[in-house]
Amino acid sequence: MLKEMLKSIFSLKGDMAEHEVIKERLVSGGRVTGTNMCVLMLAILIASIGLNMNSTAVIIGAMLISPLMGSILSMAYGTATADSRLAEKSGLGLAFQVILCLLTSTLYFLISPISTTTSELLARTQPTIWDVLIALCGGLAGIIGMTRAEKSNVIPGVAIATALMPPLCTCGYSIANKQWQMLLGAGYLFLVNTYFIFLSALVILLILEVPKVNQMSEERVKKLKKTVIRSTIILIIPSIIIAYFMVHEENNNQNTLTGFLDTITVEEITKQAEVLFPDVESIRIGELAKVGEEDTIEKDSIILVRLNHEFQKEEQEKLEKWLQEVYEGYTIIYEEVG
C-alpha cells in the first residue's frame, strides 16, 4: 500500500505532456537560427560586461536570456530516441554556439580597458563536486519541467543555477589575458555543467520512454552505458580533488586567532573590518590577485581589499596595521570598485 502510494506521488508520467509536444519543445529549443545567434551574442556581451564590472545582477540577466541550454536538451532527446542525426546536429549546433561565445568574449576582453581579475571571474575557476550536484539537480528539474503537460517555469531558475554563460566568458577573459590556468578551470566548469545537464535530461527521457526513431541493438546499448559511466567518473574525479583542497583550505582559514582574537573566525574579522572602515566594500582572504603585468602572488598569502572609492592614506595605514595583527605575513592588495 505504502509502496504504491509513494510510486503514485513521485510518478513522472501522471502529468506528462504528449510525446509529440515534448519532441517539439526540445527539438525547437535546439535549433540554431539567426534569432538565437543574435540573442546569444547579446547574452555573451552582457555576461562579459557583468564579469568585467563584478556585477552579479548583470550576470544573472545574461544567464536568463542565453539559449545555450536548448541545444543540450535537444542533444539529449536525440540520444534518448536513438536519433543519431538529431543528436549530431544538436551537438554541432552547440559547438558552433560555444565557439561564437569564446570569440565574442575574447574580443570584448581584448578591447576592454579593465583587466582586473574580479571575484566573479575567480568564482568560475574552481569547480567542485558541489557544482556537479548543482548541474545534475538543475538538469533534472529542467527536463522534468519541459516534459509536463502544463509547461513549467523552472527553466529560468535552472539557467541561473547551472551557469553556462559565465564560465565561457571567463574562458574568453583567460584567453585575452593569457591566464591559462584560469582557462582550464573555467573550461572544466562549463564542461561539467554541460555534461551533467545532458546526462540528467537523458536519464529522465529514458524513464519517460520517449519513442525511439531507430531500434538500438543490445550490444550498442551496453556500449553506450559503458561510455556514459566512464565519462561520468572521469569528469567527477577532478571536482572531488578540488573540493577536498578547498575544504582543507577553508578549515585552515577558520582556525582561531591568537590573543584577544582567539575566538573570532576569519569571516567575523572581515565583517568587523567592513564596519570599522566604511570605505571598504569587502575583504577576501587567500584569493588570487594579479600584480602588475605578469607577477602573481600565491593565493594562500594575500588579502584582497575591495574599496568603494580612493582610500585616504591615514585610513589605509590604520587598516594595514589592523590586518597585519590578524594575518601576519599576508600581502595586502587593493582594488577600487567604485
C-alpha atoms as a PDB file:
ATOM      1  CA  MET A   1       0.000   0.000   0.000  1.00  0.00           C
ATOM      2  CA  LEU A   2       2.730   2.454   1.044  1.00  0.00           C
ATOM      3  CA  LYS A   3       4.851   1.416  -1.918  1.00  0.00           C
ATOM      4  CA  GLU A   4       2.026   2.094  -4.357  1.00  0.00           C
ATOM      5  CA  MET A   5       1.248   5.432  -2.722  1.00  0.00           C
ATOM      6  CA  LEU A   6       4.890   6.580  -2.945  1.00  0.00           C
ATOM      7  CA  LYS A   7       5.061   5.372  -6.533  1.00  0.00           C
ATOM      8  CA  SER A   8       1.977   7.413  -7.370  1.00  0.00           C
ATOM      9  CA  ILE A   9       3.263  10.545  -5.587  1.00  0.00           C
ATOM     10  CA  PHE A  10       6.645  10.531  -7.327  1.00  0.00           C
ATOM     11  CA  SER A  11       5.437   9.330 -10.727  1.00  0.00           C
ATOM     12  CA  LEU A  12       6.696  11.444 -13.636  1.00  0.00           C
ATOM     13  CA  LYS A  13       4.129  10.120 -16.083  1.00  0.00           C
ATOM     14  CA  GLY A  14       0.945  11.361 -14.412  1.00  0.00           C
ATOM     15  CA  ASP A  15       1.031  14.926 -15.764  1.00  0.00           C
ATOM     16  CA  MET A  16       3.422  14.254 -18.655  1.00  0.00           C
ATOM     17  CA  ALA A  17       2.833  16.039 -21.964  1.00  0.00           C
ATOM     18  CA  GLU A  18       2.199  14.117 -25.176  1.00  0.00           C
ATOM     19  CA  HIS A  19       5.340  12.739 -26.796  1.00  0.00           C
ATOM     20  CA  GLU A  20       4.872  14.951 -29.859  1.00  0.00           C
ATOM     21  CA  VAL A  21       4.649  18.035 -27.650  1.00  0.00           C
ATOM     22  CA  ILE A  22       7.822  17.033 -25.791  1.00  0.00           C
ATOM     23  CA  LYS A  23       9.608  16.455 -29.092  1.00  0.00           C
ATOM     24  CA  GLU A  24       8.565  19.843 -30.475  1.00  0.00           C
ATOM     25  CA  ARG A  25       9.658  21.683 -27.317  1.00  0.00           C
ATOM     26  CA  LEU A  26      13.073  20.061 -27.099  1.00  0.00           C
ATOM     27  CA  VAL A  27      13.919  19.960 -30.805  1.00  0.00           C
ATOM     28  CA  SER A  28      12.804  23.555 -31.437  1.00  0.00           C
ATOM     29  CA  GLY A  29      14.876  24.756 -28.481  1.00  0.00           C
ATOM     30  CA  GLY A  30      17.995  23.274 -30.073  1.00  0.00           C
ATOM     31  CA  ARG A  31      17.617  24.912 -33.482  1.00  0.00           C
ATOM     32  CA  VAL A  32      20.462  27.256 -34.342  1.00  0.00           C
ATOM     33  CA  THR A  33      18.695  30.171 -36.032  1.00  0.00           C
ATOM     34  CA  GLY A  34      19.549  33.784 -36.754  1.00  0.00           C
ATOM     35  CA  THR A  35      17.358  34.918 -33.869  1.00  0.00           C
ATOM     36  CA  ASN A  36      19.060  32.535 -31.427  1.00  0.00           C
ATOM     37  CA  MET A  37      22.502  33.680 -32.565  1.00  0.00           C
ATOM     38  CA  CYS A  38      21.624  37.347 -32.096  1.00  0.00           C
ATOM     39  CA  VAL A  39      20.242  36.667 -28.612  1.00  0.00           C
ATOM     40  CA  LEU A  40      23.296  34.539 -27.799  1.00  0.00           C
ATOM     41  CA  MET A  41      25.739  37.277 -28.815  1.00  0.00           C
ATOM     42  CA  LEU A  42      23.854  39.824 -26.718  1.00  0.00           C
ATOM     43  CA  ALA A  43      23.874  37.418 -23.749  1.00  0.00           C
ATOM     44  CA  ILE A  44      27.638  36.895 -24.189  1.00  0.00           C
ATOM     45  CA  LEU A  45      28.314  40.621 -24.157  1.00  0.00           C
ATOM     46  CA  ILE A  46      26.053  41.182 -21.135  1.00  0.00           C
ATOM     47  CA  ALA A  47      27.751  38.362 -19.200  1.00  0.00           C
ATOM     48  CA  SER A  48      31.226  39.610 -20.155  1.00  0.00           C
ATOM     49  CA  ILE A  49      30.396  43.141 -19.001  1.00  0.00           C
ATOM     50  CA  GLY A  50      28.914  41.763 -15.759  1.00  0.00           C
ATOM     51  CA  LEU A  51      32.050  39.719 -15.052  1.00  0.00           C
ATOM     52  CA  ASN A  52      34.272  42.670 -16.010  1.00  0.00           C
ATOM     53  CA  MET A  53      32.379  45.040 -13.688  1.00  0.00           C
ATOM     54  CA  ASN A  54      31.890  42.406 -10.964  1.00  0.00           C
ATOM     55  CA  SER A  55      28.090  42.763 -11.154  1.00  0.00           C
ATOM     56  CA  THR A  56      26.130  39.676 -10.069  1.00  0.00           C
ATOM     57  CA  ALA A  57      22.791  41.132 -11.208  1.00  0.00           C
ATOM     58  CA  VAL A  58      24.045  41.682 -14.768  1.00  0.00           C
ATOM     59  CA  ILE A  59      25.475  38.154 -14.935  1.00  0.00           C
ATOM     60  CA  ILE A  60      22.135  36.685 -13.815  1.00  0.00           C
ATOM     61  CA  GLY A  61      20.390  38.652 -16.568  1.00  0.00           C
ATOM     62  CA  ALA A  62      22.734  37.169 -19.173  1.00  0.00           C
ATOM     63  CA  MET A  63      22.100  33.633 -17.907  1.00  0.00           C
ATOM     64  CA  LEU A  64      18.333  34.120 -18.186  1.00  0.00           C
ATOM     65  CA  ILE A  65      18.402  35.092 -21.866  1.00  0.00           C
ATOM     66  CA  SER A  66      21.070  32.651 -23.031  1.00  0.00           C
ATOM     67  CA  PRO A  67      19.742  29.932 -25.426  1.00  0.00           C
ATOM     68  CA  LEU A  68      22.633  27.509 -24.800  1.00  0.00           C
ATOM     69  CA  MET A  69      20.619  25.022 -22.757  1.00  0.00           C
ATOM     70  CA  GLY A  70      18.245  24.340 -25.660  1.00  0.00           C
ATOM     71  CA  SER A  71      20.972  22.642 -27.706  1.00  0.00           C
ATOM     72  CA  ILE A  72      21.969  20.420 -24.761  1.00  0.00           C
ATOM     73  CA  LEU A  73      18.387  19.229 -24.171  1.00  0.00           C
ATOM     74  CA  SER A  74      17.895  18.649 -27.902  1.00  0.00           C
ATOM     75  CA  MET A  75      21.077  16.554 -27.993  1.00  0.00           C
ATOM     76  CA  ALA A  76      19.808  14.515 -25.023  1.00  0.00           C
ATOM     77  CA  TYR A  77      16.477  13.941 -26.818  1.00  0.00           C
ATOM     78  CA  GLY A  78      18.290  12.752 -29.942  1.00  0.00           C
ATOM     79  CA  THR A  79      20.351  10.313 -27.859  1.00  0.00           C
ATOM     80  CA  ALA A  80      17.316   9.019 -25.898  1.00  0.00           C
ATOM     81  CA  THR A  81      15.326   8.403 -29.107  1.00  0.00           C
ATOM     82  CA  ALA A  82      18.306   6.825 -30.909  1.00  0.00           C
ATOM     83  CA  ASP A  83      18.079   9.610 -33.485  1.00  0.00           C
ATOM     84  CA  SER A  84      21.778   9.954 -34.275  1.00  0.00           C
ATOM     85  CA  ARG A  85      21.123  12.613 -36.927  1.00  0.00           C
ATOM     86  CA  LEU A  86      19.358  14.885 -34.415  1.00  0.00           C
ATOM     87  CA  ALA A  87      21.999  14.241 -31.729  1.00  0.00           C
ATOM     88  CA  GLU A  88      24.846  15.087 -34.124  1.00  0.00           C
ATOM     89  CA  LYS A  89      23.050  18.171 -35.472  1.00  0.00           C
ATOM     90  CA  SER A  90      22.393  19.451 -31.936  1.00  0.00           C
ATOM     91  CA  GLY A  91      25.977  18.688 -30.909  1.00  0.00           C
ATOM     92  CA  LEU A  92      27.347  20.627 -33.892  1.00  0.00           C
ATOM     93  CA  GLY A  93      24.970  23.490 -33.106  1.00  0.00           C
ATOM     94  CA  LEU A  94      26.200  23.572 -29.501  1.00  0.00           C
ATOM     95  CA  ALA A  95      29.837  23.531 -30.677  1.00  0.00           C
ATOM     96  CA  PHE A  96      29.145  26.455 -33.021  1.00  0.00           C
ATOM     97  CA  GLN A  97      27.484  28.403 -30.187  1.00  0.00           C
ATOM     98  CA  VAL A  98      30.430  27.722 -27.858  1.00  0.00           C
ATOM     99  CA  ILE A  99      32.940  28.930 -30.475  1.00  0.00           C
ATOM    100  CA  LEU A 100      30.857  32.077 -31.029  1.00  0.00           C
ATOM    101  CA  CYS A 101      30.793  32.696 -27.261  1.00  0.00           C
ATOM    102  CA  LEU A 102      34.561  32.304 -26.964  1.00  0.00           C
ATOM    103  CA  LEU A 103      35.293  34.579 -29.922  1.00  0.00           C
ATOM    104  CA  THR A 104      32.914  37.308 -28.746  1.00  0.00           C
ATOM    105  CA  SER A 105      34.020  37.283 -25.107  1.00  0.00           C
ATOM    106  CA  THR A 106      37.721  37.140 -26.030  1.00  0.00           C
ATOM    107  CA  LEU A 107      37.287  40.120 -28.364  1.00  0.00           C
ATOM    108  CA  TYR A 108      35.428  42.057 -25.654  1.00  0.00           C
ATOM    109  CA  PHE A 109      38.132  41.483 -23.030  1.00  0.00           C
ATOM    110  CA  LEU A 110      40.876  42.387 -25.535  1.00  0.00           C
ATOM    111  CA  ILE A 111      39.153  45.723 -26.145  1.00  0.00           C
ATOM    112  CA  SER A 112      38.063  46.407 -22.555  1.00  0.00           C
ATOM    113  CA  PRO A 113      40.346  48.844 -20.674  1.00  0.00           C
ATOM    114  CA  ILE A 114      39.614  46.988 -17.410  1.00  0.00           C
ATOM    115  CA  SER A 115      41.733  43.859 -16.982  1.00  0.00           C
ATOM    116  CA  THR A 116      41.226  43.288 -13.232  1.00  0.00           C
ATOM    117  CA  THR A 117      40.578  39.689 -12.220  1.00  0.00           C
ATOM    118  CA  THR A 118      37.300  40.246 -10.356  1.00  0.00           C
ATOM    119  CA  SER A 119      35.861  37.936  -7.713  1.00  0.00           C
ATOM    120  CA  GLU A 120      33.062  36.964 -10.153  1.00  0.00           C
ATOM    121  CA  LEU A 121      35.690  35.745 -12.619  1.00  0.00           C
ATOM    122  CA  LEU A 122      37.592  33.895  -9.896  1.00  0.00           C
ATOM    123  CA  ALA A 123      34.369  32.185  -8.773  1.00  0.00           C
ATOM    124  CA  ARG A 124      34.239  30.358 -12.140  1.00  0.00           C
ATOM    125  CA  THR A 125      37.718  28.849 -11.961  1.00  0.00           C
ATOM    126  CA  GLN A 126      37.478  26.195  -9.229  1.00  0.00           C
ATOM    127  CA  PRO A 127      34.611  23.785  -9.970  1.00  0.00           C
ATOM    128  CA  THR A 128      33.985  21.228  -7.224  1.00  0.00           C
ATOM    129  CA  ILE A 129      31.715  18.248  -6.591  1.00  0.00           C
ATOM    130  CA  TRP A 130      29.044  20.722  -5.464  1.00  0.00           C
ATOM    131  CA  ASP A 131      28.992  22.191  -8.975  1.00  0.00           C
ATOM    132  CA  VAL A 132      28.448  18.660 -10.279  1.00  0.00           C
ATOM    133  CA  LEU A 133      25.481  18.198  -7.935  1.00  0.00           C
ATOM    134  CA  ILE A 134      24.031  21.591  -8.910  1.00  0.00           C
ATOM    135  CA  ALA A 135      24.285  20.776 -12.625  1.00  0.00           C
ATOM    136  CA  LEU A 136      22.747  17.331 -12.069  1.00  0.00           C
ATOM    137  CA  CYS A 137      19.851  18.613  -9.960  1.00  0.00           C
ATOM    138  CA  GLY A 138      19.328  21.599 -12.245  1.00  0.00           C
ATOM    139  CA  GLY A 139      19.264  19.388 -15.322  1.00  0.00           C
ATOM    140  CA  LEU A 140      16.733  17.055 -13.681  1.00  0.00           C
ATOM    141  CA  ALA A 141      14.491  19.968 -12.708  1.00  0.00           C
ATOM    142  CA  GLY A 142      14.768  21.475 -16.186  1.00  0.00           C
ATOM    143  CA  ILE A 143      13.872  18.367 -18.169  1.00  0.00           C
ATOM    144  CA  ILE A 144      11.030  17.452 -15.791  1.00  0.00           C
ATOM    145  CA  GLY A 145       9.595  20.941 -16.233  1.00  0.00           C
ATOM    146  CA  MET A 146       9.927  20.750 -20.029  1.00  0.00           C
ATOM    147  CA  THR A 147       8.053  17.445 -20.217  1.00  0.00           C
ATOM    148  CA  ARG A 148       4.954  18.497 -18.243  1.00  0.00           C
ATOM    149  CA  ALA A 149       1.529  18.933 -19.877  1.00  0.00           C
ATOM    150  CA  GLU A 150       1.435  22.465 -18.468  1.00  0.00           C
ATOM    151  CA  LYS A 151       4.808  23.985 -19.292  1.00  0.00           C
ATOM    152  CA  SER A 152       6.670  24.769 -16.067  1.00  0.00           C
ATOM    153  CA  ASN A 153       8.554  27.982 -15.231  1.00  0.00           C
ATOM    154  CA  VAL A 154      11.582  26.183 -13.775  1.00  0.00           C
ATOM    155  CA  ILE A 155      13.852  26.856 -16.769  1.00  0.00           C
ATOM    156  CA  PRO A 156      14.849  30.406 -15.690  1.00  0.00           C
ATOM    157  CA  GLY A 157      15.848  29.071 -12.263  1.00  0.00           C
ATOM    158  CA  VAL A 158      17.769  26.213 -13.861  1.00  0.00           C
ATOM    159  CA  ALA A 159      19.550  28.673 -16.177  1.00  0.00           C
ATOM    160  CA  ILE A 160      20.740  30.673 -13.147  1.00  0.00           C
ATOM    161  CA  ALA A 161      21.722  27.675 -11.017  1.00  0.00           C
ATOM    162  CA  THR A 162      23.561  25.778 -13.769  1.00  0.00           C
ATOM    163  CA  ALA A 163      25.577  28.690 -15.135  1.00  0.00           C
ATOM    164  CA  LEU A 164      26.657  28.021 -18.724  1.00  0.00           C
ATOM    165  CA  MET A 165      27.401  31.535 -19.952  1.00  0.00           C
ATOM    166  CA  PRO A 166      29.745  32.901 -17.201  1.00  0.00           C
ATOM    167  CA  PRO A 167      32.333  30.067 -17.464  1.00  0.00           C
ATOM    168  CA  LEU A 168      32.517  30.569 -21.229  1.00  0.00           C
ATOM    169  CA  CYS A 169      33.027  34.309 -20.799  1.00  0.00           C
ATOM    170  CA  THR A 170      35.688  33.586 -18.173  1.00  0.00           C
ATOM    171  CA  CYS A 171      37.417  31.416 -20.783  1.00  0.00           C
ATOM    172  CA  GLY A 172      37.342  34.421 -23.108  1.00  0.00           C
ATOM    173  CA  TYR A 173      38.899  36.598 -20.386  1.00  0.00           C
ATOM    174  CA  SER A 174      41.576  33.944 -19.778  1.00  0.00           C
ATOM    175  CA  ILE A 175      42.480  33.778 -23.468  1.00  0.00           C
ATOM    176  CA  ALA A 176      42.564  37.572 -23.800  1.00  0.00           C
ATOM    177  CA  ASN A 177      44.848  37.895 -20.742  1.00  0.00           C
ATOM    178  CA  LYS A 178      46.819  34.669 -21.304  1.00  0.00           C
ATOM    179  CA  GLN A 179      45.707  33.189 -17.971  1.00  0.00           C
ATOM    180  CA  TRP A 180      45.957  29.527 -18.965  1.00  0.00           C
ATOM    181  CA  GLN A 181      45.318  28.017 -15.524  1.00  0.00           C
ATOM    182  CA  MET A 182      42.153  30.081 -15.230  1.00  0.00           C
ATOM    183  CA  LEU A 183      41.160  28.889 -18.726  1.00  0.00           C
ATOM    184  CA  LEU A 184      41.432  25.253 -17.621  1.00  0.00           C
ATOM    185  CA  GLY A 185      39.290  25.846 -14.512  1.00  0.00           C
ATOM    186  CA  ALA A 186      36.559  27.785 -16.319  1.00  0.00           C
ATOM    187  CA  GLY A 187      36.560  25.344 -19.250  1.00  0.00           C
ATOM    188  CA  TYR A 188      36.203  22.429 -16.854  1.00  0.00           C
ATOM    189  CA  LEU A 189      33.259  24.122 -15.094  1.00  0.00           C
ATOM    190  CA  PHE A 190      31.486  24.647 -18.432  1.00  0.00           C
ATOM    191  CA  LEU A 191      32.146  21.028 -19.403  1.00  0.00           C
ATOM    192  CA  VAL A 192      30.805  19.761 -16.054  1.00  0.00           C
ATOM    193  CA  ASN A 193      27.623  21.840 -16.324  1.00  0.00           C
ATOM    194  CA  THR A 194      27.024  20.825 -19.954  1.00  0.00           C
ATOM    195  CA  TYR A 195      27.646  17.118 -19.424  1.00  0.00           C
ATOM    196  CA  PHE A 196      25.536  16.701 -16.288  1.00  0.00           C
ATOM    197  CA  ILE A 197      22.623  18.690 -17.720  1.00  0.00           C
ATOM    198  CA  PHE A 198      22.807  16.362 -20.737  1.00  0.00           C
ATOM    199  CA  LEU A 199      23.095  13.247 -18.558  1.00  0.00           C
ATOM    200  CA  SER A 200      20.177  14.142 -16.268  1.00  0.00           C
ATOM    201  CA  ALA A 201      17.970  15.001 -19.267  1.00  0.00           C
ATOM    202  CA  LEU A 202      18.894  11.700 -20.928  1.00  0.00           C
ATOM    203  CA  VAL A 203      18.007   9.689 -17.815  1.00  0.00           C
ATOM    204  CA  ILE A 204      14.583  11.339 -17.410  1.00  0.00           C
ATOM    205  CA  LEU A 205      13.725  10.926 -21.116  1.00  0.00           C
ATOM    206  CA  LEU A 206      14.593   7.224 -20.905  1.00  0.00           C
ATOM    207  CA  ILE A 207      12.419   6.867 -17.786  1.00  0.00           C
ATOM    208  CA  LEU A 208       9.546   8.550 -19.665  1.00  0.00           C
ATOM    209  CA  GLU A 209      10.075   6.041 -22.501  1.00  0.00           C
ATOM    210  CA  VAL A 210      10.097   8.546 -25.346  1.00  0.00           C
ATOM    211  CA  PRO A 211       9.513   6.754 -28.689  1.00  0.00           C
ATOM    212  CA  LYS A 212      12.656   5.544 -30.454  1.00  0.00           C
ATOM    213  CA  VAL A 213      13.310   6.651 -34.010  1.00  0.00           C
ATOM    214  CA  ASN A 214      15.632   3.679 -34.560  1.00  0.00           C
ATOM    215  CA  GLN A 215      15.941   0.481 -32.604  1.00  0.00           C
ATOM    216  CA  MET A 216      19.286   0.015 -30.864  1.00  0.00           C
ATOM    217  CA  SER A 217      20.907  -3.391 -30.610  1.00  0.00           C
ATOM    218  CA  GLU A 218      21.646  -4.783 -27.161  1.00  0.00           C
ATOM    219  CA  GLU A 219      25.364  -4.549 -27.867  1.00  0.00           C
ATOM    220  CA  ARG A 220      25.078  -0.866 -28.774  1.00  0.00           C
ATOM    221  CA  VAL A 221      23.066  -0.139 -25.611  1.00  0.00           C
ATOM    222  CA  LYS A 222      25.758  -1.779 -23.458  1.00  0.00           C
ATOM    223  CA  LYS A 223      28.461   0.198 -25.241  1.00  0.00           C
ATOM    224  CA  LEU A 224      26.557   3.445 -24.643  1.00  0.00           C
ATOM    225  CA  LYS A 225      26.124   2.643 -20.939  1.00  0.00           C
ATOM    226  CA  LYS A 226      29.853   1.924 -20.536  1.00  0.00           C
ATOM    227  CA  THR A 227      30.735   5.181 -22.289  1.00  0.00           C
ATOM    228  CA  VAL A 228      28.395   7.179 -20.035  1.00  0.00           C
ATOM    229  CA  ILE A 229      29.730   5.554 -16.841  1.00  0.00           C
ATOM    230  CA  ARG A 230      33.356   6.054 -17.887  1.00  0.00           C
ATOM    231  CA  SER A 231      32.801   9.684 -18.899  1.00  0.00           C
ATOM    232  CA  THR A 232      30.959  10.425 -15.643  1.00  0.00           C
ATOM    233  CA  ILE A 233      33.763   9.022 -13.493  1.00  0.00           C
ATOM    234  CA  ILE A 234      36.452  10.879 -15.451  1.00  0.00           C
ATOM    235  CA  LEU A 235      34.597  14.181 -15.073  1.00  0.00           C
ATOM    236  CA  ILE A 236      33.756  13.761 -11.380  1.00  0.00           C
ATOM    237  CA  ILE A 237      37.253  12.850 -10.104  1.00  0.00           C
ATOM    238  CA  PRO A 238      38.875  16.309 -10.592  1.00  0.00           C
ATOM    239  CA  SER A 239      35.899  18.021  -8.910  1.00  0.00           C
ATOM    240  CA  ILE A 240      36.282  15.805  -5.838  1.00  0.00           C
ATOM    241  CA  ILE A 241      40.012  16.568  -5.629  1.00  0.00           C
ATOM    242  CA  ILE A 242      39.401  20.330  -5.934  1.00  0.00           C
ATOM    243  CA  ALA A 243      36.647  20.124  -3.291  1.00  0.00           C
ATOM    244  CA  TYR A 244      38.993  18.306  -0.910  1.00  0.00           C
ATOM    245  CA  PHE A 245      41.675  21.008  -1.128  1.00  0.00           C
ATOM    246  CA  MET A 246      39.062  23.761  -0.890  1.00  0.00           C
ATOM    247  CA  VAL A 247      37.588  22.304   2.306  1.00  0.00           C
ATOM    248  CA  HIS A 248      41.081  21.823   3.726  1.00  0.00           C
ATOM    249  CA  GLU A 249      41.938  25.465   2.991  1.00  0.00           C
ATOM    250  CA  GLU A 250      38.647  26.695   4.428  1.00  0.00           C
ATOM    251  CA  ASN A 251      39.255  24.733   7.628  1.00  0.00           C
ATOM    252  CA  ASN A 252      42.685  26.343   7.926  1.00  0.00           C
ATOM    253  CA  ASN A 253      41.155  29.790   7.428  1.00  0.00           C
ATOM    254  CA  GLN A 254      38.642  29.098  10.180  1.00  0.00           C
ATOM    255  CA  ASN A 255      41.345  28.369  12.744  1.00  0.00           C
ATOM    256  CA  THR A 256      41.043  30.545  15.843  1.00  0.00           C
ATOM    257  CA  LEU A 257      43.330  33.573  16.092  1.00  0.00           C
ATOM    258  CA  THR A 258      45.717  34.500  18.895  1.00  0.00           C
ATOM    259  CA  GLY A 259      45.347  36.979  21.793  1.00  0.00           C
ATOM    260  CA  PHE A 260      42.077  38.862  22.134  1.00  0.00           C
ATOM    261  CA  LEU A 261      41.014  37.459  18.745  1.00  0.00           C
ATOM    262  CA  ASP A 262      41.405  33.816  19.736  1.00  0.00           C
ATOM    263  CA  THR A 263      37.697  33.043  19.399  1.00  0.00           C
ATOM    264  CA  ILE A 264      36.968  35.113  16.284  1.00  0.00           C
ATOM    265  CA  THR A 265      36.865  33.432  12.859  1.00  0.00           C
ATOM    266  CA  VAL A 266      38.078  34.788   9.547  1.00  0.00           C
ATOM    267  CA  GLU A 267      34.531  35.612   8.472  1.00  0.00           C
ATOM    268  CA  GLU A 268      33.893  37.629  11.646  1.00  0.00           C
ATOM    269  CA  ILE A 269      37.183  39.510  11.222  1.00  0.00           C
ATOM    270  CA  THR A 270      36.302  40.598   7.690  1.00  0.00           C
ATOM    271  CA  LYS A 271      32.852  41.738   8.826  1.00  0.00           C
ATOM    272  CA  GLN A 272      34.440  43.807  11.604  1.00  0.00           C
ATOM    273  CA  ALA A 273      36.834  45.415   9.115  1.00  0.00           C
ATOM    274  CA  GLU A 274      33.947  46.442   6.874  1.00  0.00           C
ATOM    275  CA  VAL A 275      32.275  48.140   9.871  1.00  0.00           C
ATOM    276  CA  LEU A 276      35.436  49.853  11.166  1.00  0.00           C
ATOM    277  CA  PHE A 277      36.411  51.112   7.711  1.00  0.00           C
ATOM    278  CA  PRO A 278      33.290  52.242   5.757  1.00  0.00           C
ATOM    279  CA  ASP A 279      35.281  52.763   2.541  1.00  0.00           C
ATOM    280  CA  VAL A 280      35.900  49.012   2.388  1.00  0.00           C
ATOM    281  CA  GLU A 281      33.458  47.193   0.107  1.00  0.00           C
ATOM    282  CA  SER A 282      34.673  43.702   1.046  1.00  0.00           C
ATOM    283  CA  ILE A 283      37.718  41.739   2.166  1.00  0.00           C
ATOM    284  CA  ARG A 284      38.711  38.318   0.863  1.00  0.00           C
ATOM    285  CA  ILE A 285      41.436  36.124   2.285  1.00  0.00           C
ATOM    286  CA  GLY A 286      43.563  33.888   0.071  1.00  0.00           C
ATOM    287  CA  GLU A 287      42.215  34.886  -3.341  1.00  0.00           C
ATOM    288  CA  LEU A 288      44.375  35.012  -6.462  1.00  0.00           C
ATOM    289  CA  ALA A 289      45.414  38.558  -7.381  1.00  0.00           C
ATOM    290  CA  LYS A 290      47.413  39.835 -10.337  1.00  0.00           C
ATOM    291  CA  VAL A 291      50.175  42.323  -9.603  1.00  0.00           C
ATOM    292  CA  GLY A 292      51.483  44.408 -12.492  1.00  0.00           C
ATOM    293  CA  GLU A 293      51.596  42.679 -15.858  1.00  0.00           C
ATOM    294  CA  GLU A 294      52.986  39.234 -15.085  1.00  0.00           C
ATOM    295  CA  ASP A 295      53.747  38.733 -11.379  1.00  0.00           C
ATOM    296  CA  THR A 296      51.240  36.707  -9.399  1.00  0.00           C
ATOM    297  CA  ILE A 297      51.102  36.307  -5.609  1.00  0.00           C
ATOM    298  CA  GLU A 298      50.325  32.871  -4.200  1.00  0.00           C
ATOM    299  CA  LYS A 299      46.626  32.527  -3.392  1.00  0.00           C
ATOM    300  CA  ASP A 300      47.194  31.445   0.222  1.00  0.00           C
ATOM    301  CA  SER A 301      49.195  34.557   1.148  1.00  0.00           C
ATOM    302  CA  ILE A 302      47.119  37.583   0.137  1.00  0.00           C
ATOM    303  CA  ILE A 303      44.355  39.800   1.433  1.00  0.00           C
ATOM    304  CA  LEU A 304      42.251  41.344  -1.331  1.00  0.00           C
ATOM    305  CA  VAL A 305      40.630  44.593  -0.128  1.00  0.00           C
ATOM    306  CA  ARG A 306      37.930  45.995  -2.417  1.00  0.00           C
ATOM    307  CA  LEU A 307      37.255  49.726  -1.887  1.00  0.00           C
ATOM    308  CA  ASN A 308      34.206  51.883  -2.648  1.00  0.00           C
ATOM    309  CA  HIS A 309      36.497  54.782  -3.649  1.00  0.00           C
ATOM    310  CA  GLU A 310      40.042  56.010  -3.150  1.00  0.00           C
ATOM    311  CA  PHE A 311      41.353  55.293   0.346  1.00  0.00           C
ATOM    312  CA  GLN A 312      42.853  58.078   2.473  1.00  0.00           C
ATOM    313  CA  LYS A 313      46.490  57.338   3.369  1.00  0.00           C
ATOM    314  CA  GLU A 314      45.834  57.625   7.108  1.00  0.00           C
ATOM    315  CA  GLU A 315      42.912  55.196   6.927  1.00  0.00           C
ATOM    316  CA  GLN A 316      44.965  52.844   4.764  1.00  0.00           C
ATOM    317  CA  GLU A 317      47.757  52.748   7.338  1.00  0.00           C
ATOM    318  CA  LYS A 318      45.244  52.007  10.128  1.00  0.00           C
ATOM    319  CA  LEU A 319      43.662  49.196   8.126  1.00  0.00           C
ATOM    320  CA  GLU A 320      47.012  47.669   7.222  1.00  0.00           C
ATOM    321  CA  LYS A 321      48.185  47.762  10.855  1.00  0.00           C
ATOM    322  CA  TRP A 322      44.921  46.179  11.990  1.00  0.00           C
ATOM    323  CA  LEU A 323      45.033  43.451   9.356  1.00  0.00           C
ATOM    324  CA  GLN A 324      48.697  42.623   9.929  1.00  0.00           C
ATOM    325  CA  GLU A 325      47.944  41.994  13.598  1.00  0.00           C
ATOM    326  CA  VAL A 326      45.429  39.394  12.494  1.00  0.00           C
ATOM    327  CA  TYR A 327      47.063  37.998   9.338  1.00  0.00           C
ATOM    328  CA  GLU A 328      50.775  38.381   9.932  1.00  0.00           C
ATOM    329  CA  GLY A 329      52.874  37.890   6.801  1.00  0.00           C
ATOM    330  CA  TYR A 330      49.999  38.365   4.321  1.00  0.00           C
ATOM    331  CA  THR A 331      50.346  40.801   1.402  1.00  0.00           C
ATOM    332  CA  ILE A 332      47.507  43.329   1.089  1.00  0.00           C
ATOM    333  CA  ILE A 333      46.196  44.106  -2.419  1.00  0.00           C
ATOM    334  CA  TYR A 334      43.744  46.966  -3.059  1.00  0.00           C
ATOM    335  CA  GLU A 335      41.062  47.023  -5.752  1.00  0.00           C
ATOM    336  CA  GLU A 336      38.870  50.086  -6.269  1.00  0.00           C
ATOM    337  CA  VAL A 337      35.344  49.223  -7.429  1.00  0.00           C
ATOM    338  CA  GLY A 338      33.510  52.495  -7.081  1.00  0.00           C
END
